[in-house]
C-alpha atoms as a PDB file:
ATOM      1  CA  MET A   1      -7.278   9.455  19.830  1.00  0.00           C
ATOM      2  CA  LYS A   2      -7.983  11.151  16.769  1.00  0.00           C
ATOM      3  CA  VAL A   3      -8.924   8.843  13.636  1.00  0.00           C
ATOM      4  CA  LEU A   4      -8.624  10.948  10.630  1.00  0.00           C
ATOM      5  CA  ASN A   5      -9.654  10.245   7.318  1.00  0.00           C
ATOM      6  CA  LEU A   6      -6.733  11.402   4.653  1.00  0.00           C
ATOM      7  CA  GLN A   7      -5.984  11.562   1.011  1.00  0.00           C
ATOM      8  CA  CYS A   8      -2.798  11.244  -1.174  1.00  0.00           C
ATOM      9  CA  SER A   9      -2.811  13.378  -3.945  1.00  0.00           C
ATOM     10  CA  SER A  10      -3.005  10.727  -6.045  1.00  0.00           C
ATOM     11  CA  GLY A  11      -6.241  10.024  -4.543  1.00  0.00           C
ATOM     12  CA  HIS A  12      -5.820   7.339  -2.416  1.00  0.00           C
ATOM     13  CA  ALA A  13      -7.889   7.695   1.335  1.00  0.00           C
ATOM     14  CA  PHE A  14      -6.759   6.103   4.126  1.00  0.00           C
ATOM     15  CA  GLU A  15      -6.898   6.938   8.033  1.00  0.00           C
ATOM     16  CA  GLY A  16      -4.147   8.360  10.196  1.00  0.00           C
ATOM     17  CA  TRP A  17      -4.581   8.110  14.333  1.00  0.00           C
ATOM     18  CA  PHE A  18      -3.460  10.077  16.291  1.00  0.00           C
ATOM     19  CA  ALA A  19      -3.611  11.817  19.991  1.00  0.00           C
ATOM     20  CA  SER A  20      -4.727  15.046  18.812  1.00  0.00           C
ATOM     21  CA  GLU A  21      -4.979  17.400  16.185  1.00  0.00           C
ATOM     22  CA  ASP A  22      -1.233  18.907  17.266  1.00  0.00           C
ATOM     23  CA  ASP A  23       0.044  15.556  16.865  1.00  0.00           C
ATOM     24  CA  PHE A  24      -0.968  15.439  13.235  1.00  0.00           C
ATOM     25  CA  GLN A  25      -0.229  18.461  12.106  1.00  0.00           C
ATOM     26  CA  GLY A  26       3.813  18.323  13.696  1.00  0.00           C
ATOM     27  CA  GLN A  27       3.871  14.716  12.004  1.00  0.00           C
ATOM     28  CA  HIS A  28       2.706  16.295   8.975  1.00  0.00           C
ATOM     29  CA  ALA A  29       5.304  19.282   9.212  1.00  0.00           C
ATOM     30  CA  ARG A  30       7.988  17.087  10.212  1.00  0.00           C
ATOM     31  CA  GLY A  31       6.598  14.946   6.695  1.00  0.00           C
ATOM     32  CA  LEU A  32       6.011  12.014   8.984  1.00  0.00           C
ATOM     33  CA  VAL A  33       2.601  11.594   7.462  1.00  0.00           C
ATOM     34  CA  GLU A  34       2.431  10.011   4.297  1.00  0.00           C
ATOM     35  CA  CYS A  35       0.049   7.353   2.188  1.00  0.00           C
ATOM     36  CA  PRO A  36       0.678   3.611   2.431  1.00  0.00           C
ATOM     37  CA  MET A  37      -0.256   2.803  -1.186  1.00  0.00           C
ATOM     38  CA  CYS A  38       2.099   4.622  -2.719  1.00  0.00           C
ATOM     39  CA  GLY A  39       4.347   7.099  -0.034  1.00  0.00           C
ATOM     40  CA  ASP A  40       3.255  10.403  -1.213  1.00  0.00           C
ATOM     41  CA  GLN A  41       3.482  12.973   2.061  1.00  0.00           C
ATOM     42  CA  HIS A  42       0.999  15.316   0.136  1.00  0.00           C
ATOM     43  CA  VAL A  43      -1.263  14.171   2.113  1.00  0.00           C
ATOM     44  CA  GLN A  44      -4.866  16.178   3.097  1.00  0.00           C
ATOM     45  CA  LYS A  45      -7.794  15.671   5.571  1.00  0.00           C
ATOM     46  CA  LEU A  46     -10.978  14.849   3.924  1.00  0.00           C
ATOM     47  CA  PRO A  47     -14.254  15.874   5.956  1.00  0.00           C
ATOM     48  CA  SER A  48     -15.767  14.331   8.236  1.00  0.00           C
ATOM     49  CA  ALA A  49     -18.562  14.158  10.774  1.00  0.00           C
ATOM     50  CA  PRO A  50     -18.620  12.387  13.992  1.00  0.00           C
ATOM     51  CA  ARG A  51     -22.170  11.060  14.865  1.00  0.00           C
ATOM     52  CA  LEU A  52     -23.244  12.077  18.134  1.00  0.00           C
ATOM     53  CA  ASN A  53     -26.037  10.142  20.001  1.00  0.00           C
ATOM     54  CA  LEU A  54     -28.059  11.700  21.951  1.00  0.00           C
ATOM     55  CA  GLY A  55     -31.220  10.208  22.446  1.00  0.00           C
ATOM     56  CA  ALA A  56     -33.409   7.599  21.699  1.00  0.00           C
ATOM     57  CA  ALA A  57     -33.029   5.545  18.129  1.00  0.00           C
ATOM     58  CA  ARG A  58     -35.032   7.605  15.530  1.00  0.00           C
ATOM     59  CA  GLU A  59     -34.892   6.445  11.744  1.00  0.00           C
ATOM     60  CA  GLU A  60     -32.137   8.462  10.049  1.00  0.00           C
ATOM     61  CA  PRO A  61     -33.087  10.045   6.563  1.00  0.00           C
ATOM     62  CA  LYS A  62     -31.026   8.147   4.125  1.00  0.00           C
ATOM     63  CA  ARG A  63     -28.241  10.801   2.254  1.00  0.00           C
ATOM     64  CA  GLU A  64     -26.339   9.659  -0.703  1.00  0.00           C
ATOM     65  CA  VAL A  65     -22.575   9.150   0.346  1.00  0.00           C
ATOM     66  CA  MET A  66     -19.538   9.244  -2.181  1.00  0.00           C
ATOM     67  CA  ALA A  67     -17.612   5.786  -1.696  1.00  0.00           C
ATOM     68  CA  THR A  68     -13.797   6.159  -1.351  1.00  0.00           C
ATOM     69  CA  PRO A  69     -12.731   6.085  -4.856  1.00  0.00           C
ATOM     70  CA  ASP A  70     -11.290   2.492  -5.630  1.00  0.00           C
ATOM     71  CA  ALA A  71     -11.372   1.823  -1.290  1.00  0.00           C
ATOM     72  CA  ALA A  72     -12.414  -2.025  -2.425  1.00  0.00           C
ATOM     73  CA  MET A  73      -9.537  -1.796  -5.043  1.00  0.00           C
ATOM     74  CA  GLN A  74      -7.008  -0.662  -2.911  1.00  0.00           C
ATOM     75  CA  ALA A  75      -7.356  -3.379   0.593  1.00  0.00           C
ATOM     76  CA  ALA A  76      -7.513  -6.100  -2.840  1.00  0.00           C
ATOM     77  CA  TYR A  77      -4.138  -5.150  -4.063  1.00  0.00           C
ATOM     78  CA  LEU A  78      -2.561  -4.613  -0.239  1.00  0.00           C
ATOM     79  CA  LYS A  79      -3.997  -7.907   0.304  1.00  0.00           C
ATOM     80  CA  MET A  80      -2.338  -9.408  -2.134  1.00  0.00           C
ATOM     81  CA  VAL A  81       0.649  -7.857  -1.897  1.00  0.00           C
ATOM     82  CA  ARG A  82       0.905  -9.305   1.692  1.00  0.00           C
ATOM     83  CA  HIS A  83       0.443 -12.539   0.823  1.00  0.00           C
ATOM     84  CA  VAL A  84       3.441 -12.291  -2.123  1.00  0.00           C
ATOM     85  CA  MET A  85       5.269 -11.120   1.094  1.00  0.00           C
ATOM     86  CA  ALA A  86       4.546 -13.812   2.708  1.00  0.00           C
ATOM     87  CA  ASN A  87       5.236 -16.508   0.117  1.00  0.00           C
ATOM     88  CA  THR A  88       8.191 -15.400  -1.818  1.00  0.00           C
ATOM     89  CA  GLU A  89      11.923 -14.906  -0.559  1.00  0.00           C
ATOM     90  CA  ASP A  90      13.739 -11.473  -1.456  1.00  0.00           C
ATOM     91  CA  VAL A  91      17.233 -11.436  -3.302  1.00  0.00           C
ATOM     92  CA  GLY A  92      17.495  -7.554  -3.760  1.00  0.00           C
ATOM     93  CA  GLU A  93      19.445  -6.842  -6.894  1.00  0.00           C
ATOM     94  CA  ARG A  94      20.080 -10.630  -7.364  1.00  0.00           C
ATOM     95  CA  PHE A  95      16.247 -11.237  -9.237  1.00  0.00           C
ATOM     96  CA  ALA A  96      17.483 -11.045 -12.754  1.00  0.00           C
ATOM     97  CA  ASP A  97      20.302 -13.984 -11.712  1.00  0.00           C
ATOM     98  CA  GLU A  98      18.341 -15.892  -9.560  1.00  0.00           C
ATOM     99  CA  ALA A  99      15.331 -16.309 -11.886  1.00  0.00           C
ATOM    100  CA  ARG A 100      17.406 -17.005 -14.837  1.00  0.00           C
ATOM    101  CA  LYS A 101      19.074 -19.880 -12.127  1.00  0.00           C
ATOM    102  CA  ILE A 102      15.297 -21.275 -11.108  1.00  0.00           C
ATOM    103  CA  HIS A 103      14.572 -21.213 -14.562  1.00  0.00           C
ATOM    104  CA  TYR A 104      17.633 -22.974 -16.443  1.00  0.00           C
ATOM    105  CA  GLY A 105      17.264 -25.755 -13.222  1.00  0.00           C
ATOM    106  CA  GLU A 106      20.890 -24.519 -11.664  1.00  0.00           C
ATOM    107  CA  SER A 107      19.073 -23.465  -8.141  1.00  0.00           C
ATOM    108  CA  GLU A 108      15.949 -24.718  -6.671  1.00  0.00           C
ATOM    109  CA  GLU A 109      12.406 -23.997  -7.919  1.00  0.00           C
ATOM    110  CA  ARG A 110      10.764 -20.771  -5.322  1.00  0.00           C
ATOM    111  CA  GLY A 111       8.850 -18.096  -5.444  1.00  0.00           C
ATOM    112  CA  ILE A 112      11.213 -14.559  -5.276  1.00  0.00           C
ATOM    113  CA  ARG A 113      11.198 -11.065  -5.189  1.00  0.00           C
ATOM    114  CA  GLY A 114      13.448  -8.574  -5.827  1.00  0.00           C
ATOM    115  CA  LYS A 115      14.619  -5.297  -8.046  1.00  0.00           C
ATOM    116  CA  ALA A 116      15.232  -5.864 -11.142  1.00  0.00           C
ATOM    117  CA  SER A 117      15.290  -2.776 -13.927  1.00  0.00           C
ATOM    118  CA  ARG A 118      12.959  -2.607 -17.324  1.00  0.00           C
ATOM    119  CA  GLU A 119      16.193  -4.003 -19.550  1.00  0.00           C
ATOM    120  CA  GLN A 120      16.564  -6.602 -16.958  1.00  0.00           C
ATOM    121  CA  THR A 121      12.926  -7.573 -16.883  1.00  0.00           C
ATOM    122  CA  GLU A 122      12.667  -7.090 -20.754  1.00  0.00           C
ATOM    123  CA  ALA A 123      15.288  -9.603 -20.944  1.00  0.00           C
ATOM    124  CA  LEU A 124      13.734 -12.237 -18.799  1.00  0.00           C
ATOM    125  CA  LEU A 125      10.729 -12.119 -20.626  1.00  0.00           C
ATOM    126  CA  GLU A 126      12.307 -12.701 -24.153  1.00  0.00           C
ATOM    127  CA  GLU A 127      13.962 -15.171 -22.222  1.00  0.00           C
ATOM    128  CA  GLY A 128      10.509 -17.292 -21.674  1.00  0.00           C
ATOM    129  CA  ILE A 129      11.182 -16.053 -17.907  1.00  0.00           C
ATOM    130  CA  GLY A 130       7.511 -15.464 -16.151  1.00  0.00           C
ATOM    131  CA  VAL A 131       8.117 -12.415 -14.394  1.00  0.00           C
ATOM    132  CA  MET A 132       5.576  -8.986 -13.051  1.00  0.00           C
ATOM    133  CA  PRO A 133       6.555  -5.736 -11.961  1.00  0.00           C
ATOM    134  CA  LEU A 134       5.302  -5.292  -8.448  1.00  0.00           C
ATOM    135  CA  PRO A 135       5.734  -2.271  -7.045  1.00  0.00           C
ATOM    136  CA  ILE A 136       5.460  -2.747  -3.041  1.00  0.00           C
ATOM    137  CA  PRO A 137       4.513   0.375  -0.974  1.00  0.00           C
ATOM    138  CA  ASP A 138       6.771   1.460   1.264  1.00  0.00           C
ATOM    139  CA  ALA A 139       4.935   0.789   4.808  1.00  0.00           C
ATOM    140  CA  LEU A 140       4.347  -2.908   4.053  1.00  0.00           C
ATOM    141  CA  LYS A 141       8.106  -2.939   3.158  1.00  0.00           C
ATOM    142  CA  GLY A 142       9.227  -2.634   6.836  1.00  0.00           C
ATOM    143  CA  PRO A 143       7.961  -4.466  10.018  1.00  0.00           C
ATOM    144  CA  LEU A 144       4.877  -2.280  10.898  1.00  0.00           C
ATOM    145  CA  GLN A 145       4.636  -0.984  13.849  1.00  0.00           C
END
């Protein structure tokens, strides 16, 4: 198994696990490798150096390491999105109508998520209905493998 450090054109860093370098290249060429945050298929490999244990332990010199940009923020965002998805009902295109029914007491109060246009979202906010756009990465919309 080959673990590669990857990054999309938006700067999101993530790992990809592949059977071999050829497997990665084949999947990349077929457009199967995409960023789990934004779905971008313009993915590049980041340089990585394997650590080989060739003998007795010795003190490694400290090196300056560049952290993945916003890795903690990405992880926190994905955790929050997973929590929202696990604790809300997906009402799809009926989101605006269902939010109004809940707000006006015509439907049971519960957490919902779905799709709404910018105009629908603005109208809900003007009516005093608290909604918040939450982009959900495509990788989290379906079952994980």
